[in-house]
Amino acid sequence: MIKIYGRTEPPCQSCVDAVDLCRADNIDFEYHDLSMNSAAMFLAKQIQDTVPLIYEDDVLIGGLSELKDYADHLYVMAPSLDFVGDI
């Protein structure tokens, strides 16, 4: 499962885009808003300069760009379904 750590205040368009991408691609995710937790935001900034911070199974993927690459990789890995004949 993907975990997205972002903020809503001040607004973060990349955080919104990450959530939208997961929804559009049917990727299971959890969103954690760091806006009201200054200590958590401070720790997040020690890992990466910007939000969102995106993890899969507790392994850092990166930010929005890396999530896009991850989503593209899922489509490459998905088996193709070639049906022959009537269904």
C-alpha atoms as a PDB file:
ATOM      1  CA  MET A   1       0.000   0.000   0.000  1.00  0.00           C
ATOM      2  CA  ILE A   2       1.125   3.523  -0.794  1.00  0.00           C
ATOM      3  CA  LYS A   3       1.367   6.059   2.019  1.00  0.00           C
ATOM      4  CA  ILE A   4       1.356   9.729   1.087  1.00  0.00           C
ATOM      5  CA  TYR A   5       2.569  12.266   3.641  1.00  0.00           C
ATOM      6  CA  GLY A   6       1.562  15.756   2.583  1.00  0.00           C
ATOM      7  CA  ARG A   7      -0.071  18.935   3.739  1.00  0.00           C
ATOM      8  CA  THR A   8      -3.266  20.857   3.174  1.00  0.00           C
ATOM      9  CA  GLU A   9      -2.094  24.132   4.769  1.00  0.00           C
ATOM     10  CA  PRO A  10      -0.560  25.872   2.977  1.00  0.00           C
ATOM     11  CA  PRO A  11      -2.098  24.108  -0.024  1.00  0.00           C
ATOM     12  CA  CYS A  12       0.154  21.606  -1.787  1.00  0.00           C
ATOM     13  CA  GLN A  13      -0.805  20.963  -5.407  1.00  0.00           C
ATOM     14  CA  SER A  14       1.655  18.064  -5.721  1.00  0.00           C
ATOM     15  CA  CYS A  15      -0.038  16.404  -2.737  1.00  0.00           C
ATOM     16  CA  VAL A  16      -3.439  16.763  -4.410  1.00  0.00           C
ATOM     17  CA  ASP A  17      -2.004  15.451  -7.684  1.00  0.00           C
ATOM     18  CA  ALA A  18      -0.516  12.407  -5.899  1.00  0.00           C
ATOM     19  CA  VAL A  19      -3.897  11.548  -4.383  1.00  0.00           C
ATOM     20  CA  ASP A  20      -5.634  12.096  -7.735  1.00  0.00           C
ATOM     21  CA  LEU A  21      -3.112   9.835  -9.492  1.00  0.00           C
ATOM     22  CA  CYS A  22      -3.665   7.033  -6.991  1.00  0.00           C
ATOM     23  CA  ARG A  23      -7.424   7.329  -7.348  1.00  0.00           C
ATOM     24  CA  ALA A  24      -7.293   7.432 -11.160  1.00  0.00           C
ATOM     25  CA  ASP A  25      -4.989   4.402 -11.336  1.00  0.00           C
ATOM     26  CA  ASN A  26      -6.822   2.448  -8.601  1.00  0.00           C
ATOM     27  CA  ILE A  27      -3.725   2.355  -6.402  1.00  0.00           C
ATOM     28  CA  ASP A  28      -4.473   1.634  -2.737  1.00  0.00           C
ATOM     29  CA  PHE A  29      -3.205   4.508  -0.620  1.00  0.00           C
ATOM     30  CA  GLU A  30      -3.424   6.273   2.709  1.00  0.00           C
ATOM     31  CA  TYR A  31      -3.044  10.049   3.029  1.00  0.00           C
ATOM     32  CA  HIS A  32      -1.464  11.554   6.118  1.00  0.00           C
ATOM     33  CA  ASP A  33      -1.812  15.322   6.556  1.00  0.00           C
ATOM     34  CA  LEU A  34       1.218  16.813   8.295  1.00  0.00           C
ATOM     35  CA  SER A  35      -0.197  20.361   8.340  1.00  0.00           C
ATOM     36  CA  MET A  36      -1.083  20.481  12.018  1.00  0.00           C
ATOM     37  CA  ASN A  37       1.949  18.547  13.260  1.00  0.00           C
ATOM     38  CA  SER A  38       5.013  20.797  13.096  1.00  0.00           C
ATOM     39  CA  ALA A  39       7.296  18.083  14.525  1.00  0.00           C
ATOM     40  CA  ALA A  40       6.232  15.602  11.834  1.00  0.00           C
ATOM     41  CA  MET A  41       6.668  18.270   9.129  1.00  0.00           C
ATOM     42  CA  PHE A  42      10.155  19.038  10.478  1.00  0.00           C
ATOM     43  CA  LEU A  43      11.101  15.350  10.333  1.00  0.00           C
ATOM     44  CA  ALA A  44       9.674  15.027   6.825  1.00  0.00           C
ATOM     45  CA  LYS A  45      11.834  17.953   5.676  1.00  0.00           C
ATOM     46  CA  GLN A  46      14.914  16.106   6.969  1.00  0.00           C
ATOM     47  CA  ILE A  47      14.141  13.260   4.544  1.00  0.00           C
ATOM     48  CA  GLN A  48      13.139  15.302   1.495  1.00  0.00           C
ATOM     49  CA  ASP A  49      12.921  19.051   0.899  1.00  0.00           C
ATOM     50  CA  THR A  50       9.359  18.988  -0.365  1.00  0.00           C
ATOM     51  CA  VAL A  51       6.097  17.157   0.183  1.00  0.00           C
ATOM     52  CA  PRO A  52       4.564  14.829  -0.659  1.00  0.00           C
ATOM     53  CA  LEU A  53       6.708  12.069   0.753  1.00  0.00           C
ATOM     54  CA  ILE A  54       5.495   8.828  -0.776  1.00  0.00           C
ATOM     55  CA  TYR A  55       6.237   5.364   0.576  1.00  0.00           C
ATOM     56  CA  GLU A  56       5.404   1.844  -0.501  1.00  0.00           C
ATOM     57  CA  ASP A  57       5.604  -0.721   2.297  1.00  0.00           C
ATOM     58  CA  ASP A  58       7.714   1.661   4.405  1.00  0.00           C
ATOM     59  CA  VAL A  59      10.246   2.192   1.585  1.00  0.00           C
ATOM     60  CA  LEU A  60      10.577   5.744   0.283  1.00  0.00           C
ATOM     61  CA  ILE A  61       9.522   6.062  -3.349  1.00  0.00           C
ATOM     62  CA  GLY A  62      10.102   9.829  -3.431  1.00  0.00           C
ATOM     63  CA  GLY A  63       7.749  12.594  -4.484  1.00  0.00           C
ATOM     64  CA  LEU A  64       5.108  13.065  -7.168  1.00  0.00           C
ATOM     65  CA  SER A  65       7.483  12.444 -10.106  1.00  0.00           C
ATOM     66  CA  GLU A  66       8.602   9.151  -8.631  1.00  0.00           C
ATOM     67  CA  LEU A  67       4.977   8.174  -7.968  1.00  0.00           C
ATOM     68  CA  LYS A  68       4.224   8.784 -11.654  1.00  0.00           C
ATOM     69  CA  ASP A  69       7.147   6.501 -12.591  1.00  0.00           C
ATOM     70  CA  TYR A  70       5.881   3.918 -10.099  1.00  0.00           C
ATOM     71  CA  ALA A  71       2.374   4.038 -11.619  1.00  0.00           C
ATOM     72  CA  ASP A  72       3.808   3.691 -15.149  1.00  0.00           C
ATOM     73  CA  HIS A  73       5.809   0.679 -13.979  1.00  0.00           C
ATOM     74  CA  LEU A  74       2.630  -0.962 -12.668  1.00  0.00           C
ATOM     75  CA  TYR A  75       1.136  -0.838 -16.155  1.00  0.00           C
ATOM     76  CA  VAL A  76       4.256  -2.344 -17.712  1.00  0.00           C
ATOM     77  CA  MET A  77       4.194  -5.167 -15.164  1.00  0.00           C
ATOM     78  CA  ALA A  78       0.486  -5.929 -15.617  1.00  0.00           C
ATOM     79  CA  PRO A  79      -0.124  -8.983 -17.824  1.00  0.00           C
ATOM     80  CA  SER A  80      -1.888  -8.374 -21.082  1.00  0.00           C
ATOM     81  CA  LEU A  81      -5.136 -10.211 -21.651  1.00  0.00           C
ATOM     82  CA  ASP A  82      -5.437 -11.450 -25.217  1.00  0.00           C
ATOM     83  CA  PHE A  83      -8.735 -13.185 -25.812  1.00  0.00           C
ATOM     84  CA  VAL A  84      -9.242 -15.343 -28.840  1.00  0.00           C
ATOM     85  CA  GLY A  85     -12.721 -16.259 -29.952  1.00  0.00           C
ATOM     86  CA  ASP A  86     -16.080 -15.403 -28.483  1.00  0.00           C
ATOM     87  CA  ILE A  87     -16.595 -14.533 -24.889  1.00  0.00           C
END
